[in-house]
All heavy atoms as atom14 arrays in JSON, in Angstrom:
{
  "sequence": "FTIERLSADTPYGPLTAPQAARIRRVLFLVVDAGRGPSGDWVQSPQ",
  "atom14_mask": [
    [1, 1, 1, 1, 1, 1, 1, 1, 1, 1, 1, 0, 0, 0],
    [1, 1, 1, 1, 1, 1, 1, 0, 0, 0, 0, 0, 0, 0],
    [1, 1, 1, 1, 1, 1, 1, 1, 0, 0, 0, 0, 0, 0],
    [1, 1, 1, 1, 1, 1, 1, 1, 1, 0, 0, 0, 0, 0],
    [1, 1, 1, 1, 1, 1, 1, 1, 1, 1, 1, 0, 0, 0],
    [1, 1, 1, 1, 1, 1, 1, 1, 0, 0, 0, 0, 0, 0],
    [1, 1, 1, 1, 1, 1, 0, 0, 0, 0, 0, 0, 0, 0],
    [1, 1, 1, 1, 1, 0, 0, 0, 0, 0, 0, 0, 0, 0],
    [1, 1, 1, 1, 1, 1, 1, 1, 0, 0, 0, 0, 0, 0],
    [1, 1, 1, 1, 1, 1, 1, 0, 0, 0, 0, 0, 0, 0],
    [1, 1, 1, 1, 1, 1, 1, 0, 0, 0, 0, 0, 0, 0],
    [1, 1, 1, 1, 1, 1, 1, 1, 1, 1, 1, 1, 0, 0],
    [1, 1, 1, 1, 0, 0, 0, 0, 0, 0, 0, 0, 0, 0],
    [1, 1, 1, 1, 1, 1, 1, 0, 0, 0, 0, 0, 0, 0],
    [1, 1, 1, 1, 1, 1, 1, 1, 0, 0, 0, 0, 0, 0],
    [1, 1, 1, 1, 1, 1, 1, 0, 0, 0, 0, 0, 0, 0],
    [1, 1, 1, 1, 1, 0, 0, 0, 0, 0, 0, 0, 0, 0],
    [1, 1, 1, 1, 1, 1, 1, 0, 0, 0, 0, 0, 0, 0],
    [1, 1, 1, 1, 1, 1, 1, 1, 1, 0, 0, 0, 0, 0],
    [1, 1, 1, 1, 1, 0, 0, 0, 0, 0, 0, 0, 0, 0],
    [1, 1, 1, 1, 1, 0, 0, 0, 0, 0, 0, 0, 0, 0],
    [1, 1, 1, 1, 1, 1, 1, 1, 1, 1, 1, 0, 0, 0],
    [1, 1, 1, 1, 1, 1, 1, 1, 0, 0, 0, 0, 0, 0],
    [1, 1, 1, 1, 1, 1, 1, 1, 1, 1, 1, 0, 0, 0],
    [1, 1, 1, 1, 1, 1, 1, 1, 1, 1, 1, 0, 0, 0],
    [1, 1, 1, 1, 1, 1, 1, 0, 0, 0, 0, 0, 0, 0],
    [1, 1, 1, 1, 1, 1, 1, 1, 0, 0, 0, 0, 0, 0],
    [1, 1, 1, 1, 1, 1, 1, 1, 1, 1, 1, 0, 0, 0],
    [1, 1, 1, 1, 1, 1, 1, 1, 0, 0, 0, 0, 0, 0],
    [1, 1, 1, 1, 1, 1, 1, 0, 0, 0, 0, 0, 0, 0],
    [1, 1, 1, 1, 1, 1, 1, 0, 0, 0, 0, 0, 0, 0],
    [1, 1, 1, 1, 1, 1, 1, 1, 0, 0, 0, 0, 0, 0],
    [1, 1, 1, 1, 1, 0, 0, 0, 0, 0, 0, 0, 0, 0],
    [1, 1, 1, 1, 0, 0, 0, 0, 0, 0, 0, 0, 0, 0],
    [1, 1, 1, 1, 1, 1, 1, 1, 1, 1, 1, 0, 0, 0],
    [1, 1, 1, 1, 0, 0, 0, 0, 0, 0, 0, 0, 0, 0],
    [1, 1, 1, 1, 1, 1, 1, 0, 0, 0, 0, 0, 0, 0],
    [1, 1, 1, 1, 1, 1, 0, 0, 0, 0, 0, 0, 0, 0],
    [1, 1, 1, 1, 0, 0, 0, 0, 0, 0, 0, 0, 0, 0],
    [1, 1, 1, 1, 1, 1, 1, 1, 0, 0, 0, 0, 0, 0],
    [1, 1, 1, 1, 1, 1, 1, 1, 1, 1, 1, 1, 1, 1],
    [1, 1, 1, 1, 1, 1, 1, 0, 0, 0, 0, 0, 0, 0],
    [1, 1, 1, 1, 1, 1, 1, 1, 1, 0, 0, 0, 0, 0],
    [1, 1, 1, 1, 1, 1, 0, 0, 0, 0, 0, 0, 0, 0],
    [1, 1, 1, 1, 1, 1, 1, 0, 0, 0, 0, 0, 0, 0],
    [1, 1, 1, 1, 1, 1, 1, 1, 1, 0, 0, 0, 0, 0]
  ],
  "atom14_positions": [
    [[180.84, 92.77, -72.52], [180.63, 91.83, -71.42], [179.64, 92.39, -70.4], [178.82, 91.64, -69.84], [181.95, 91.5, -70.73], [181.87, 90.28, -69.84], [182.08, 89.02, -70.37], [181.57, 90.4, -68.49], [182.0, 87.9, -69.57], [181.48, 89.29, -67.68], [181.7, 88.02, -68.21], [0.0, 0.0, 0.0], [0.0, 0.0, 0.0], [0.0, 0.0, 0.0]],
    [[179.7, 93.7, -70.18], [178.73, 94.31, -69.26], [177.31, 94.08, -69.74], [176.42, 93.73, -68.96], [178.99, 95.83, -69.15], [180.33, 96.05, -68.73], [178.04, 96.47, -68.15], [0.0, 0.0, 0.0], [0.0, 0.0, 0.0], [0.0, 0.0, 0.0], [0.0, 0.0, 0.0], [0.0, 0.0, 0.0], [0.0, 0.0, 0.0], [0.0, 0.0, 0.0]],
    [[177.08, 94.24, -71.04], [175.75, 94.01, -71.61], [175.34, 92.55, -71.48], [174.19, 92.24, -71.15], [175.72, 94.45, -73.09], [175.82, 95.98, -73.18], [174.47, 93.96, -73.8], [176.14, 96.49, -74.56], [0.0, 0.0, 0.0], [0.0, 0.0, 0.0], [0.0, 0.0, 0.0], [0.0, 0.0, 0.0], [0.0, 0.0, 0.0], [0.0, 0.0, 0.0]],
    [[176.27, 91.63, -71.72], [175.95, 90.2, -71.59], [175.5, 89.89, -70.17], [174.58, 89.1, -69.97], [177.15, 89.35, -71.97], [177.47, 89.38, -73.45], [178.06, 88.07, -73.94], [178.1, 87.1, -73.15], [178.47, 88.01, -75.11], [0.0, 0.0, 0.0], [0.0, 0.0, 0.0], [0.0, 0.0, 0.0], [0.0, 0.0, 0.0], [0.0, 0.0, 0.0]],
    [[176.14, 90.51, -69.2], [175.74, 90.26, -67.82], [174.41, 90.95, -67.5], [173.51, 90.34, -66.92], [176.84, 90.76, -66.87], [176.45, 90.68, -65.39], [176.07, 89.28, -64.97], [175.13, 89.3, -63.84], [174.17, 88.41, -63.65], [173.98, 87.43, -64.52], [173.37, 88.5, -62.61], [0.0, 0.0, 0.0], [0.0, 0.0, 0.0], [0.0, 0.0, 0.0]],
    [[174.26, 92.21, -67.87], [173.03, 92.94, -67.55], [171.8, 92.34, -68.23], [170.68, 92.44, -67.7], [173.18, 94.4, -67.96], [174.18, 95.24, -67.17], [174.3, 96.64, -67.76], [173.79, 95.32, -65.69], [0.0, 0.0, 0.0], [0.0, 0.0, 0.0], [0.0, 0.0, 0.0], [0.0, 0.0, 0.0], [0.0, 0.0, 0.0], [0.0, 0.0, 0.0]],
    [[171.99, 91.73, -69.4], [170.85, 91.18, -70.13], [170.56, 89.72, -69.77], [169.59, 89.15, -70.26], [171.09, 91.28, -71.65], [172.22, 90.52, -72.03], [0.0, 0.0, 0.0], [0.0, 0.0, 0.0], [0.0, 0.0, 0.0], [0.0, 0.0, 0.0], [0.0, 0.0, 0.0], [0.0, 0.0, 0.0], [0.0, 0.0, 0.0], [0.0, 0.0, 0.0]],
    [[171.41, 89.12, -68.95], [171.22, 87.71, -68.58], [169.97, 87.56, -67.72], [169.66, 88.41, -66.88], [172.44, 87.2, -67.85], [0.0, 0.0, 0.0], [0.0, 0.0, 0.0], [0.0, 0.0, 0.0], [0.0, 0.0, 0.0], [0.0, 0.0, 0.0], [0.0, 0.0, 0.0], [0.0, 0.0, 0.0], [0.0, 0.0, 0.0], [0.0, 0.0, 0.0]],
    [[169.26, 86.45, -67.93], [168.04, 86.21, -67.14], [168.26, 85.19, -66.03], [167.31, 84.64, -65.47], [166.9, 85.74, -68.06], [167.27, 84.49, -68.85], [168.38, 83.97, -68.67], [166.44, 84.05, -69.67], [0.0, 0.0, 0.0], [0.0, 0.0, 0.0], [0.0, 0.0, 0.0], [0.0, 0.0, 0.0], [0.0, 0.0, 0.0], [0.0, 0.0, 0.0]],
    [[169.52, 84.92, -65.7], [169.87, 84.03, -64.59], [170.93, 84.71, -63.73], [171.62, 85.63, -64.2], [170.44, 82.69, -65.1], [171.69, 82.94, -65.77], [169.46, 82.0, -66.04], [0.0, 0.0, 0.0], [0.0, 0.0, 0.0], [0.0, 0.0, 0.0], [0.0, 0.0, 0.0], [0.0, 0.0, 0.0], [0.0, 0.0, 0.0], [0.0, 0.0, 0.0]],
    [[171.1, 84.26, -62.49], [172.14, 84.87, -61.65], [173.55, 84.57, -62.14], [174.49, 85.28, -61.78], [171.91, 84.21, -60.27], [170.53, 83.65, -60.32], [170.28, 83.29, -61.75], [0.0, 0.0, 0.0], [0.0, 0.0, 0.0], [0.0, 0.0, 0.0], [0.0, 0.0, 0.0], [0.0, 0.0, 0.0], [0.0, 0.0, 0.0], [0.0, 0.0, 0.0]],
    [[173.7, 83.53, -62.98], [175.04, 83.12, -63.39], [175.4, 83.51, -64.83], [176.56, 83.43, -65.21], [175.2, 81.6, -63.24], [174.07, 80.8, -63.8], [173.97, 80.53, -65.17], [173.07, 80.29, -62.97], [172.92, 79.8, -65.69], [172.02, 79.55, -63.48], [171.96, 79.3, -64.83], [170.91, 78.57, -65.35], [0.0, 0.0, 0.0], [0.0, 0.0, 0.0]],
    [[174.44, 83.91, -65.66], [174.75, 84.25, -67.04], [175.73, 85.41, -67.12], [175.71, 86.31, -66.27], [0.0, 0.0, 0.0], [0.0, 0.0, 0.0], [0.0, 0.0, 0.0], [0.0, 0.0, 0.0], [0.0, 0.0, 0.0], [0.0, 0.0, 0.0], [0.0, 0.0, 0.0], [0.0, 0.0, 0.0], [0.0, 0.0, 0.0], [0.0, 0.0, 0.0]],
    [[176.64, 85.41, -68.12], [176.68, 84.56, -69.31], [177.4, 83.23, -69.13], [177.62, 82.53, -70.12], [177.45, 85.44, -70.31], [178.39, 86.22, -69.47], [177.65, 86.5, -68.2], [0.0, 0.0, 0.0], [0.0, 0.0, 0.0], [0.0, 0.0, 0.0], [0.0, 0.0, 0.0], [0.0, 0.0, 0.0], [0.0, 0.0, 0.0], [0.0, 0.0, 0.0]],
    [[177.77, 82.86, -67.91], [178.32, 81.53, -67.68], [177.2, 80.5, -67.7], [176.02, 80.83, -67.52], [179.03, 81.48, -66.33], [180.24, 82.4, -66.11], [180.77, 82.23, -64.7], [181.32, 82.13, -67.14], [0.0, 0.0, 0.0], [0.0, 0.0, 0.0], [0.0, 0.0, 0.0], [0.0, 0.0, 0.0], [0.0, 0.0, 0.0], [0.0, 0.0, 0.0]],
    [[177.55, 79.23, -67.89], [176.59, 78.16, -67.7], [176.5, 77.87, -66.2], [177.39, 78.24, -65.42], [177.02, 76.89, -68.44], [178.23, 76.38, -67.85], [177.24, 77.16, -69.93], [0.0, 0.0, 0.0], [0.0, 0.0, 0.0], [0.0, 0.0, 0.0], [0.0, 0.0, 0.0], [0.0, 0.0, 0.0], [0.0, 0.0, 0.0], [0.0, 0.0, 0.0]],
    [[175.44, 77.17, -65.8], [175.27, 76.86, -64.39], [176.44, 76.01, -63.84], [176.97, 76.32, -62.76], [173.93, 76.15, -64.16], [0.0, 0.0, 0.0], [0.0, 0.0, 0.0], [0.0, 0.0, 0.0], [0.0, 0.0, 0.0], [0.0, 0.0, 0.0], [0.0, 0.0, 0.0], [0.0, 0.0, 0.0], [0.0, 0.0, 0.0], [0.0, 0.0, 0.0]],
    [[176.85, 74.95, -64.55], [178.0, 74.17, -64.03], [179.27, 75.01, -63.91], [180.03, 74.87, -62.95], [178.16, 73.05, -65.06], [176.82, 72.89, -65.67], [176.26, 74.28, -65.72], [0.0, 0.0, 0.0], [0.0, 0.0, 0.0], [0.0, 0.0, 0.0], [0.0, 0.0, 0.0], [0.0, 0.0, 0.0], [0.0, 0.0, 0.0], [0.0, 0.0, 0.0]],
    [[179.54, 75.88, -64.9], [180.71, 76.76, -64.82], [180.64, 77.65, -63.58], [181.61, 77.78, -62.83], [180.79, 77.65, -66.06], [181.31, 76.99, -67.31], [181.31, 77.95, -68.49], [180.42, 78.78, -68.62], [182.3, 77.83, -69.36], [0.0, 0.0, 0.0], [0.0, 0.0, 0.0], [0.0, 0.0, 0.0], [0.0, 0.0, 0.0], [0.0, 0.0, 0.0]],
    [[179.48, 78.26, -63.36], [179.3, 79.18, -62.25], [179.43, 78.48, -60.91], [179.89, 79.08, -59.93], [177.95, 79.87, -62.36], [0.0, 0.0, 0.0], [0.0, 0.0, 0.0], [0.0, 0.0, 0.0], [0.0, 0.0, 0.0], [0.0, 0.0, 0.0], [0.0, 0.0, 0.0], [0.0, 0.0, 0.0], [0.0, 0.0, 0.0], [0.0, 0.0, 0.0]],
    [[179.04, 77.21, -60.85], [179.13, 76.47, -59.6], [180.57, 76.07, -59.28], [180.98, 76.09, -58.11], [178.25, 75.22, -59.68], [0.0, 0.0, 0.0], [0.0, 0.0, 0.0], [0.0, 0.0, 0.0], [0.0, 0.0, 0.0], [0.0, 0.0, 0.0], [0.0, 0.0, 0.0], [0.0, 0.0, 0.0], [0.0, 0.0, 0.0], [0.0, 0.0, 0.0]],
    [[181.35, 75.75, -60.3], [182.69, 75.23, -60.07], [183.77, 76.31, -60.01], [184.84, 76.1, -59.45], [183.06, 74.23, -61.17], [182.25, 72.94, -61.1], [182.87, 71.87, -61.98], [182.81, 72.22, -63.39], [181.88, 71.77, -64.22], [180.94, 70.95, -63.76], [181.88, 72.1, -65.49], [0.0, 0.0, 0.0], [0.0, 0.0, 0.0], [0.0, 0.0, 0.0]],
    [[183.51, 77.45, -60.59], [184.55, 78.48, -60.69], [184.91, 79.02, -59.31], [184.07, 79.13, -58.41], [184.06, 79.61, -61.62], [185.23, 80.39, -62.18], [183.07, 80.53, -60.92], [184.85, 81.28, -63.35], [0.0, 0.0, 0.0], [0.0, 0.0, 0.0], [0.0, 0.0, 0.0], [0.0, 0.0, 0.0], [0.0, 0.0, 0.0], [0.0, 0.0, 0.0]],
    [[186.22, 79.37, -59.14], [186.68, 79.89, -57.86], [187.33, 81.28, -57.98], [187.15, 82.12, -57.12], [187.68, 78.93, -57.22], [187.1, 77.59, -56.82], [188.15, 76.67, -56.21], [188.8, 77.3, -55.07], [190.1, 77.66, -55.04], [190.85, 77.49, -56.11], [190.6, 78.21, -53.96], [0.0, 0.0, 0.0], [0.0, 0.0, 0.0], [0.0, 0.0, 0.0]],
    [[188.08, 81.47, -59.04], [188.78, 82.74, -59.21], [188.55, 83.26, -60.63], [188.67, 82.5, -61.6], [190.28, 82.58, -58.97], [190.63, 82.09, -57.56], [190.29, 83.15, -56.51], [190.65, 82.69, -55.17], [189.81, 82.1, -54.34], [188.55, 81.86, -54.71], [190.2, 81.75, -53.13], [0.0, 0.0, 0.0], [0.0, 0.0, 0.0], [0.0, 0.0, 0.0]],
    [[188.25, 84.55, -60.74], [188.01, 85.17, -62.04], [188.86, 86.43, -62.13], [188.82, 87.29, -61.23], [186.52, 85.54, -62.23], [186.3, 86.13, -63.62], [185.63, 84.32, -62.01], [0.0, 0.0, 0.0], [0.0, 0.0, 0.0], [0.0, 0.0, 0.0], [0.0, 0.0, 0.0], [0.0, 0.0, 0.0], [0.0, 0.0, 0.0], [0.0, 0.0, 0.0]],
    [[189.64, 86.54, -63.22], [190.48, 87.71, -63.42], [190.01, 88.47, -64.66], [189.89, 87.9, -65.74], [191.94, 87.29, -63.61], [192.92, 88.39, -64.03], [193.08, 89.43, -62.91], [194.28, 87.8, -64.4], [0.0, 0.0, 0.0], [0.0, 0.0, 0.0], [0.0, 0.0, 0.0], [0.0, 0.0, 0.0], [0.0, 0.0, 0.0], [0.0, 0.0, 0.0]],
    [[189.75, 89.75, -64.49], [189.45, 90.65, -65.6], [190.61, 91.64, -65.71], [190.86, 92.4, -64.77], [188.15, 91.43, -65.36], [186.92, 90.57, -65.24], [186.45, 90.2, -63.98], [186.24, 90.13, -66.36], [185.32, 89.42, -63.86], [185.11, 89.34, -66.24], [184.64, 88.98, -64.99], [0.0, 0.0, 0.0], [0.0, 0.0, 0.0], [0.0, 0.0, 0.0]],
    [[191.31, 91.61, -66.82], [192.41, 92.54, -67.04], [192.03, 93.53, -68.13], [191.77, 93.13, -69.27], [193.68, 91.8, -67.44], [194.59, 91.29, -66.32], [195.83, 90.62, -66.92], [195.0, 92.41, -65.38], [0.0, 0.0, 0.0], [0.0, 0.0, 0.0], [0.0, 0.0, 0.0], [0.0, 0.0, 0.0], [0.0, 0.0, 0.0], [0.0, 0.0, 0.0]],
    [[192.01, 94.79, -67.8], [191.67, 95.84, -68.75], [192.97, 96.52, -69.19], [193.7, 97.06, -68.35], [190.72, 96.87, -68.12], [190.38, 97.97, -69.12], [189.45, 96.18, -67.62], [0.0, 0.0, 0.0], [0.0, 0.0, 0.0], [0.0, 0.0, 0.0], [0.0, 0.0, 0.0], [0.0, 0.0, 0.0], [0.0, 0.0, 0.0], [0.0, 0.0, 0.0]],
    [[193.26, 96.46, -70.47], [194.5, 97.03, -70.99], [194.2, 98.4, -71.58], [193.48, 98.52, -72.57], [195.13, 96.11, -72.05], [196.42, 96.72, -72.58], [195.39, 94.73, -71.46], [0.0, 0.0, 0.0], [0.0, 0.0, 0.0], [0.0, 0.0, 0.0], [0.0, 0.0, 0.0], [0.0, 0.0, 0.0], [0.0, 0.0, 0.0], [0.0, 0.0, 0.0]],
    [[194.75, 99.42, -70.97], [194.57, 100.8, -71.44], [195.79, 101.17, -72.28], [196.84, 101.53, -71.76], [194.43, 101.74, -70.24], [194.22, 103.18, -70.66], [194.23, 103.46, -71.89], [194.05, 104.04, -69.77], [0.0, 0.0, 0.0], [0.0, 0.0, 0.0], [0.0, 0.0, 0.0], [0.0, 0.0, 0.0], [0.0, 0.0, 0.0], [0.0, 0.0, 0.0]],
    [[195.65, 101.06, -73.6], [196.76, 101.38, -74.51], [196.68, 102.8, -75.04], [197.37, 103.16, -75.99], [196.78, 100.39, -75.68], [0.0, 0.0, 0.0], [0.0, 0.0, 0.0], [0.0, 0.0, 0.0], [0.0, 0.0, 0.0], [0.0, 0.0, 0.0], [0.0, 0.0, 0.0], [0.0, 0.0, 0.0], [0.0, 0.0, 0.0], [0.0, 0.0, 0.0]],
    [[195.83, 103.62, -74.43], [195.69, 105.0, -74.87], [196.9, 105.83, -74.47], [197.66, 105.48, -73.57], [0.0, 0.0, 0.0], [0.0, 0.0, 0.0], [0.0, 0.0, 0.0], [0.0, 0.0, 0.0], [0.0, 0.0, 0.0], [0.0, 0.0, 0.0], [0.0, 0.0, 0.0], [0.0, 0.0, 0.0], [0.0, 0.0, 0.0], [0.0, 0.0, 0.0]],
    [[197.06, 106.95, -75.15], [198.16, 107.87, -74.85], [197.69, 108.97, -73.92], [196.54, 109.38, -73.95], [198.73, 108.47, -76.13], [199.33, 107.45, -77.08], [200.14, 108.13, -78.17], [199.32, 109.08, -78.93], [199.82, 110.09, -79.64], [201.12, 110.31, -79.63], [199.03, 110.88, -80.32], [0.0, 0.0, 0.0], [0.0, 0.0, 0.0], [0.0, 0.0, 0.0]],
    [[198.61, 109.48, -73.11], [198.3, 110.58, -72.21], [198.26, 111.9, -72.95], [198.47, 111.98, -74.16], [0.0, 0.0, 0.0], [0.0, 0.0, 0.0], [0.0, 0.0, 0.0], [0.0, 0.0, 0.0], [0.0, 0.0, 0.0], [0.0, 0.0, 0.0], [0.0, 0.0, 0.0], [0.0, 0.0, 0.0], [0.0, 0.0, 0.0], [0.0, 0.0, 0.0]],
    [[198.01, 113.0, -72.22], [197.96, 114.34, -72.84], [199.29, 114.67, -73.53], [200.36, 114.26, -73.08], [197.71, 115.27, -71.65], [197.09, 114.39, -70.61], [197.71, 113.05, -70.79], [0.0, 0.0, 0.0], [0.0, 0.0, 0.0], [0.0, 0.0, 0.0], [0.0, 0.0, 0.0], [0.0, 0.0, 0.0], [0.0, 0.0, 0.0], [0.0, 0.0, 0.0]],
    [[199.21, 115.41, -74.63], [200.41, 115.79, -75.36], [200.25, 117.2, -75.91], [199.15, 117.76, -75.95], [200.69, 114.81, -76.5], [199.62, 114.8, -77.42], [0.0, 0.0, 0.0], [0.0, 0.0, 0.0], [0.0, 0.0, 0.0], [0.0, 0.0, 0.0], [0.0, 0.0, 0.0], [0.0, 0.0, 0.0], [0.0, 0.0, 0.0], [0.0, 0.0, 0.0]],
    [[201.35, 117.77, -76.37], [201.32, 119.12, -76.92], [201.81, 120.14, -75.89], [201.71, 119.92, -74.69], [0.0, 0.0, 0.0], [0.0, 0.0, 0.0], [0.0, 0.0, 0.0], [0.0, 0.0, 0.0], [0.0, 0.0, 0.0], [0.0, 0.0, 0.0], [0.0, 0.0, 0.0], [0.0, 0.0, 0.0], [0.0, 0.0, 0.0], [0.0, 0.0, 0.0]],
    [[202.31, 121.27, -76.37], [202.83, 122.3, -75.47], [201.97, 123.55, -75.44], [202.38, 124.59, -74.93], [204.27, 122.67, -75.87], [204.36, 123.19, -77.31], [203.3, 123.29, -77.97], [205.49, 123.48, -77.75], [0.0, 0.0, 0.0], [0.0, 0.0, 0.0], [0.0, 0.0, 0.0], [0.0, 0.0, 0.0], [0.0, 0.0, 0.0], [0.0, 0.0, 0.0]],
    [[200.73, 123.46, -75.97], [199.92, 124.66, -76.06], [199.35, 125.13, -74.72], [198.79, 126.22, -74.62], [198.79, 124.48, -77.07], [198.08, 123.15, -77.05], [198.4, 122.04, -77.76], [196.93, 122.8, -76.28], [197.52, 121.01, -77.49], [196.6, 121.46, -76.59], [196.13, 123.48, -75.36], [195.53, 120.78, -76.01], [195.05, 122.82, -74.79], [194.77, 121.49, -75.11]],
    [[199.52, 124.33, -73.66], [199.08, 124.79, -72.34], [200.14, 125.67, -71.68], [199.9, 126.22, -70.59], [198.74, 123.6, -71.41], [197.55, 122.84, -71.95], [199.95, 122.67, -71.25], [0.0, 0.0, 0.0], [0.0, 0.0, 0.0], [0.0, 0.0, 0.0], [0.0, 0.0, 0.0], [0.0, 0.0, 0.0], [0.0, 0.0, 0.0], [0.0, 0.0, 0.0]],
    [[201.31, 125.79, -72.32], [202.4, 126.56, -71.74], [202.31, 128.05, -72.06], [203.12, 128.84, -71.57], [203.74, 126.02, -72.23], [203.96, 124.54, -71.96], [203.88, 124.2, -70.48], [204.36, 124.97, -69.64], [203.26, 123.07, -70.16], [0.0, 0.0, 0.0], [0.0, 0.0, 0.0], [0.0, 0.0, 0.0], [0.0, 0.0, 0.0], [0.0, 0.0, 0.0]],
    [[201.34, 128.44, -72.89], [201.2, 129.85, -73.25], [199.73, 130.18, -73.41], [198.89, 129.28, -73.59], [201.96, 130.13, -74.55], [201.32, 129.49, -75.64], [0.0, 0.0, 0.0], [0.0, 0.0, 0.0], [0.0, 0.0, 0.0], [0.0, 0.0, 0.0], [0.0, 0.0, 0.0], [0.0, 0.0, 0.0], [0.0, 0.0, 0.0], [0.0, 0.0, 0.0]],
    [[199.38, 131.47, -73.36], [197.97, 131.84, -73.53], [197.48, 131.63, -74.95], [196.27, 131.55, -75.18], [197.94, 133.32, -73.15], [199.34, 133.8, -73.26], [200.22, 132.62, -72.99], [0.0, 0.0, 0.0], [0.0, 0.0, 0.0], [0.0, 0.0, 0.0], [0.0, 0.0, 0.0], [0.0, 0.0, 0.0], [0.0, 0.0, 0.0], [0.0, 0.0, 0.0]],
    [[198.37, 131.51, -75.92], [197.96, 131.28, -77.31], [197.67, 129.78, -77.53], [198.2, 128.93, -76.85], [199.05, 131.74, -78.28], [199.25, 133.24, -78.35], [200.03, 133.75, -77.16], [200.88, 133.05, -76.64], [199.72, 134.98, -76.72], [0.0, 0.0, 0.0], [0.0, 0.0, 0.0], [0.0, 0.0, 0.0], [0.0, 0.0, 0.0], [0.0, 0.0, 0.0]]
  ]
}
């Protein structure tokens, strides 16, 4: 989506002009399903 916006040649792309004129609220939800750090090897010098 970042590329679609950066490559757009209009102020409203990738939306159409009517969409951009009528829209009021936009929600972007980014879901981070990655796992945090794991393992016990930081508990010793080995």
